[in-house]
C-alpha cells in the first residue's frame, strides 16, 4: 500500500490479488462465526457480529476495486484482528486465573476435608483414569471444562472418555475449556512429567472454537 501511494501503477495486478485474498479471508471469518458464535466469549462474539453486520456488505456485495478498495479491505481486516485479539487475550487471562484457582481449591480441599481426601486416596488406588474423572468433575464446579488429548491429537472428554463434540452440553455450559493431562506418579517423576508434556503437545489448538485456553496446558501429577 505504501508503494502504491507513491506510484499507483500496478502492472502485475498485486492490488487485485490482495483484494481477492481479503474477500477469501472474510468468507472464512463468516464461516468461523456461523460455526462458533455460541461458544465465543461474549465480547469477542460481539466484535465479530458487529463487523459482519456493518462492514460485511462491502465484502459480500460487488467487490471494491483499485487502491481505495484495497485500502478499505486491508484496514478493515487489520482493525478486526486487533479488536478480536484484544478480547480473546482478556478472556485467556480470566480463564487462566480461574483454572489456577480451581487447582488450588482442589489441593486445599484434599488437605482440609477428610471425605474429599478419602475420595482421592481411593481414586489413586483405582488408577489414573479415576483421578482424572474426579478432577474433571471438580474443575467443572469452577466453570472449567477440562479435556485431554488422544494419541491422534483429538480432544477427549475426561469423564466419559468420548471424543469432544462441539455441540455437547458440557461445552455449552462451560466458561472455558482447558487441556489437562493427569498422571499417576509413584516413581520416575521427571520421566512421567515429560511424557505428559509430549502428550499435551499433540493437541492442535483451535478445533473447539473460541473457548479453549490455548496458551496454557496443565499437567497434573
Protein backbone atom coordinates (compact mmCIF):
# COMPACT_ATOMS: atom_id res chain seq x y z
CA UNK A 1 0.00 0.00 0.00
CA UNK A 2 2.87 2.37 0.76
CA UNK A 3 4.41 1.68 -2.66
CA UNK A 4 1.10 2.30 -4.44
CA UNK A 5 0.75 5.66 -2.71
CA UNK A 6 3.97 6.72 -4.40
CA UNK A 7 3.22 5.07 -7.72
CA UNK A 8 -0.32 3.80 -8.34
CA UNK A 9 0.77 1.82 -11.40
CA UNK A 10 0.06 -1.90 -10.74
CA UNK A 11 1.07 -3.62 -13.96
CA UNK A 12 1.16 -7.11 -12.39
CA UNK A 13 -2.16 -6.94 -10.56
CA UNK A 14 -0.87 -7.10 -6.98
CA UNK A 15 -3.78 -4.97 -5.77
CA UNK A 16 -6.30 -7.26 -7.44
CA UNK A 17 -4.67 -10.28 -5.82
CA UNK A 18 -4.74 -8.68 -2.36
CA UNK A 19 -8.42 -7.81 -2.80
CA UNK A 20 -9.19 -11.43 -3.74
CA UNK A 21 -7.31 -12.65 -0.68
CA UNK A 22 -9.18 -10.20 1.57
CA UNK A 23 -12.52 -11.46 0.24
CA UNK A 24 -11.48 -15.07 0.91
CA UNK A 25 -10.41 -14.18 4.45
CA UNK A 26 -13.77 -12.52 5.09
CA UNK A 27 -15.53 -15.64 3.83
CA UNK A 28 -13.56 -17.76 6.34
CA UNK A 29 -14.33 -15.31 9.16
CA UNK A 30 -18.04 -15.56 8.35
CA UNK A 31 -17.90 -19.39 8.37
CA UNK A 32 -15.99 -19.32 11.67
CA UNK A 33 -18.64 -17.06 13.22
CA UNK A 34 -21.51 -19.22 11.97
CA UNK A 35 -19.88 -22.33 13.49
CA UNK A 36 -18.69 -20.87 16.79
CA UNK A 37 -20.74 -17.80 17.75
CA UNK A 38 -22.45 -19.62 20.64
CA UNK A 39 -19.06 -20.74 22.03
CA UNK A 40 -17.12 -17.48 21.83
CA UNK A 41 -16.52 -15.15 24.78
CA UNK A 42 -19.29 -12.55 24.72
CA UNK A 43 -17.06 -9.58 23.91
CA UNK A 44 -15.32 -11.43 21.06
CA UNK A 45 -18.68 -12.61 19.68
CA UNK A 46 -19.99 -9.04 19.70
CA UNK A 47 -16.92 -7.79 17.82
CA UNK A 48 -17.41 -10.34 15.04
CA UNK A 49 -21.17 -9.78 14.93
CA UNK A 50 -20.68 -6.02 14.59
CA UNK A 51 -18.00 -6.41 11.92
CA UNK A 52 -20.11 -8.79 9.83
CA UNK A 53 -23.20 -6.60 10.17
CA UNK A 54 -21.61 -3.22 9.47
CA UNK A 55 -18.62 -4.00 7.25
CA UNK A 56 -19.68 -7.35 5.78
CA UNK A 57 -21.88 -5.95 3.00
CA UNK A 58 -18.81 -4.29 1.48
CA UNK A 59 -17.15 -7.72 1.30
CA UNK A 60 -20.14 -9.76 0.14
CA UNK A 61 -21.59 -7.39 -2.47
CA UNK A 62 -19.89 -6.21 -5.66
CA UNK A 63 -16.17 -6.06 -4.80
CA UNK A 64 -14.50 -2.69 -4.43
CA UNK A 65 -11.66 -2.14 -6.86
CA UNK A 66 -8.46 -0.15 -7.15
CA UNK A 67 -6.29 1.39 -4.47
CA UNK A 68 -9.26 2.68 -2.47
CA UNK A 69 -10.86 -0.77 -2.42
CA UNK A 70 -7.66 -2.42 -1.34
CA UNK A 71 -7.14 0.13 1.44
CA UNK A 72 -10.66 -0.42 2.71
CA UNK A 73 -10.40 -4.21 2.79
CA UNK A 74 -6.95 -4.43 4.35
CA UNK A 75 -7.51 -1.78 7.01
CA UNK A 76 -10.91 -3.30 7.91
CA UNK A 77 -9.36 -6.73 8.45
CA UNK A 78 -6.46 -5.24 10.42
CA UNK A 79 -8.91 -3.39 12.64
CA UNK A 80 -10.94 -6.57 13.27
CA UNK A 81 -7.76 -8.55 14.04
CA UNK A 82 -6.63 -6.03 16.66
CA UNK A 83 -10.05 -5.84 18.32
CA UNK A 84 -10.72 -9.60 18.30
CA UNK A 85 -7.26 -10.49 19.65
CA UNK A 86 -7.70 -7.94 22.45
CA UNK A 87 -10.92 -9.60 23.62
CA UNK A 88 -9.52 -13.12 23.28
CA UNK A 89 -6.41 -12.11 25.27
CA UNK A 90 -8.61 -10.74 28.05
CA UNK A 91 -10.62 -13.97 28.04
CA UNK A 92 -7.42 -16.05 28.25
CA UNK A 93 -6.27 -14.12 31.32
CA UNK A 94 -9.57 -14.73 33.10
CA UNK A 95 -9.66 -18.42 32.07
CA UNK A 96 -6.11 -18.99 33.33
CA UNK A 97 -6.86 -17.25 36.62
CA UNK A 98 -10.00 -19.33 37.11
CA UNK A 99 -8.19 -22.57 36.21
CA UNK A 100 -5.39 -21.97 38.68
CA UNK A 101 -7.88 -21.08 41.42
CA UNK A 102 -9.70 -24.37 40.73
CA UNK A 103 -6.47 -26.36 41.14
CA UNK A 104 -5.57 -24.53 44.37
CA UNK A 105 -9.08 -25.20 45.67
CA UNK A 106 -8.68 -28.89 44.83
CA UNK A 107 -5.34 -29.11 46.68
CA UNK A 108 -6.65 -27.32 49.75
CA UNK A 109 -9.87 -29.34 49.80
CA UNK A 110 -7.87 -32.59 49.93
CA UNK A 111 -5.96 -31.23 52.93
CA UNK A 112 -8.95 -29.70 54.75
CA UNK A 113 -11.77 -32.17 54.10
CA UNK A 114 -11.41 -35.81 55.19
CA UNK A 115 -14.22 -37.02 52.92
CA UNK A 116 -12.60 -35.47 49.86
CA UNK A 117 -9.20 -36.82 50.95
CA UNK A 118 -10.66 -40.31 51.24
CA UNK A 119 -12.21 -39.98 47.77
CA UNK A 120 -8.87 -39.07 46.25
CA UNK A 121 -6.95 -41.74 48.09
CA UNK A 122 -9.42 -44.32 46.76
CA UNK A 123 -9.19 -42.86 43.24
CA UNK A 124 -5.38 -43.06 43.43
CA UNK A 125 -5.66 -46.76 44.35
CA UNK A 126 -8.10 -47.34 41.48
CA UNK A 127 -5.80 -45.75 38.91
CA UNK A 128 -5.13 -42.74 36.74
CA UNK A 129 -8.49 -42.80 34.95
CA UNK A 130 -10.41 -42.43 38.21
CA UNK A 131 -8.23 -39.48 39.24
CA UNK A 132 -8.79 -37.56 36.03
CA UNK A 133 -12.55 -38.16 36.18
CA UNK A 134 -12.70 -36.88 39.76
CA UNK A 135 -10.52 -33.90 38.81
CA UNK A 136 -12.64 -33.09 35.77
CA UNK A 137 -15.80 -33.05 37.87
CA UNK A 138 -14.13 -30.70 40.39
CA UNK A 139 -12.96 -28.26 37.70
CA UNK A 140 -16.47 -28.04 36.28
CA UNK A 141 -17.61 -26.58 39.62
CA UNK A 142 -15.44 -23.59 38.69
CA UNK A 143 -16.83 -23.35 35.15
CA UNK A 144 -13.74 -25.06 33.70
CA UNK A 145 -14.42 -27.93 31.35
CA UNK A 146 -11.22 -30.00 31.26
CA UNK A 147 -10.37 -32.28 28.37
CA UNK A 148 -7.39 -34.44 27.43
CA UNK A 149 -5.76 -35.36 24.14
CA UNK A 150 -5.63 -38.77 22.49
CA UNK A 151 -2.68 -40.19 20.56
CA UNK A 152 -4.23 -38.85 17.35
CA UNK A 153 -4.24 -35.27 18.65
CA UNK A 154 -8.02 -35.16 19.12
CA UNK A 155 -9.73 -33.81 22.24
CA UNK A 156 -11.48 -36.26 24.57
CA UNK A 157 -13.96 -35.87 27.41
CA UNK A 158 -12.23 -36.54 30.76
CA UNK A 159 -15.20 -38.10 32.50
CA UNK A 160 -16.79 -40.15 29.72
CA UNK A 161 -13.69 -40.82 27.61
CA UNK A 162 -15.52 -39.90 24.41
CA UNK A 163 -14.46 -37.55 21.59
CA UNK A 164 -15.45 -33.95 22.26
CA UNK A 165 -18.46 -32.72 20.31
CA UNK A 166 -18.65 -29.01 19.62
CA UNK A 167 -22.38 -29.01 20.41
CA UNK A 168 -22.19 -31.01 23.64
CA UNK A 169 -23.92 -29.70 26.77
CA UNK A 170 -20.62 -29.76 28.65
CA UNK A 171 -19.02 -27.27 26.27
CA UNK A 172 -22.12 -25.10 26.05
CA UNK A 173 -22.31 -24.80 29.85
CA UNK A 174 -18.61 -24.10 30.49
CA UNK A 175 -16.92 -20.72 30.82
CA UNK A 176 -13.66 -22.06 29.40
CA UNK A 177 -12.14 -25.26 28.02
CA UNK A 178 -8.73 -26.29 29.34
CA UNK A 179 -6.46 -29.11 28.23
CA UNK A 180 -5.21 -31.21 31.14
CA UNK A 181 -3.05 -34.32 31.35
CA UNK A 182 -3.42 -36.31 34.57
CA UNK A 183 -0.69 -38.78 35.52
CA UNK A 184 -0.50 -41.11 38.50
CA UNK A 185 3.04 -40.89 39.91
CA UNK A 186 4.67 -43.35 42.30
CA UNK A 187 8.21 -43.16 40.89
CA UNK A 188 10.16 -41.72 37.92
CA UNK A 189 8.59 -38.30 38.46
CA UNK A 190 10.56 -36.45 35.77
CA UNK A 191 10.05 -39.16 33.15
CA UNK A 192 6.28 -39.21 33.65
CA UNK A 193 6.08 -35.40 33.59
CA UNK A 194 7.97 -35.29 30.29
CA UNK A 195 5.65 -37.94 28.84
CA UNK A 196 2.64 -35.84 29.82
CA UNK A 197 4.12 -32.73 28.19
CA UNK A 198 4.66 -34.61 24.94
CA UNK A 199 1.11 -35.91 25.05
CA UNK A 200 -0.24 -32.37 25.56
CA UNK A 201 1.85 -31.11 22.64
CA UNK A 202 -0.04 -33.43 20.28
CA UNK A 203 -3.15 -31.28 20.60
CA UNK A 204 -3.88 -28.97 17.68
CA UNK A 205 -5.47 -25.90 19.29
CA UNK A 206 -8.41 -24.26 17.63
CA UNK A 207 -10.76 -27.15 16.87
CA UNK A 208 -13.18 -26.23 19.67
CA UNK A 209 -13.92 -22.66 18.67
CA UNK A 210 -13.04 -19.70 20.89
CA UNK A 211 -13.47 -21.04 24.40
CA UNK A 212 -10.31 -23.08 24.83
CA UNK A 213 -7.34 -21.72 26.76
CA UNK A 214 -4.66 -22.06 24.07
CA UNK A 215 -1.52 -20.62 25.64
CA UNK A 216 -1.60 -22.82 28.74
CA UNK A 217 -1.99 -26.57 29.29
CA UNK A 218 -1.98 -28.17 32.73
CA UNK A 219 -0.01 -31.27 33.66
CA UNK A 220 -1.42 -32.76 36.88
CA UNK A 221 0.84 -35.25 38.66
